[in-house]
Amino acid sequence: AEANSTGSCSGTSCHPNEYQVGTSEECSMCDDSCESCTGPSTTDCTSCDPSGSLPYWHRDDSNDPTGTCQATGNSHGDCQQGYYSQQDKECHKCDQSCATCTNPTASDCSSCEPDHFLIQ
């Protein structure tokens, strides 16, 4: 790389909407419903596009880091981390200090980003 070039840092050379194929340096596209993923399947999503037609991230097992993106949700737990849902059933971004939240302000955090502490 050139000394003056800039870009984002990543553990792989793959773009955010791609995943690394095995141990190779090859990258493949995520399913269209995923914003980020670990594989090609619709069930391999690690995040969903909050402004897309399938903004709600669902997973069957709380220990599984992957899930599917779906059109509807019914609680703040149906949005990916860092987003919350209200009555409009869309995912909205939490305050930047919140890891998870129930509403948009800094006082609505349910958990915090690293180096932040929950004060009730």
Foldseek 3Di string as FASTA:
>chain_A
DDPPDDDDDDPAPDDQQWEADDPDNDIDGEDPQASHAHDNDQQGHQAGDLPDQFQWFDDDDPVDSTGHTHRFDDFQVRGHFQWGDDPVRGTDGADQQARGAHDHDPLGHPHGDPPDDNDD
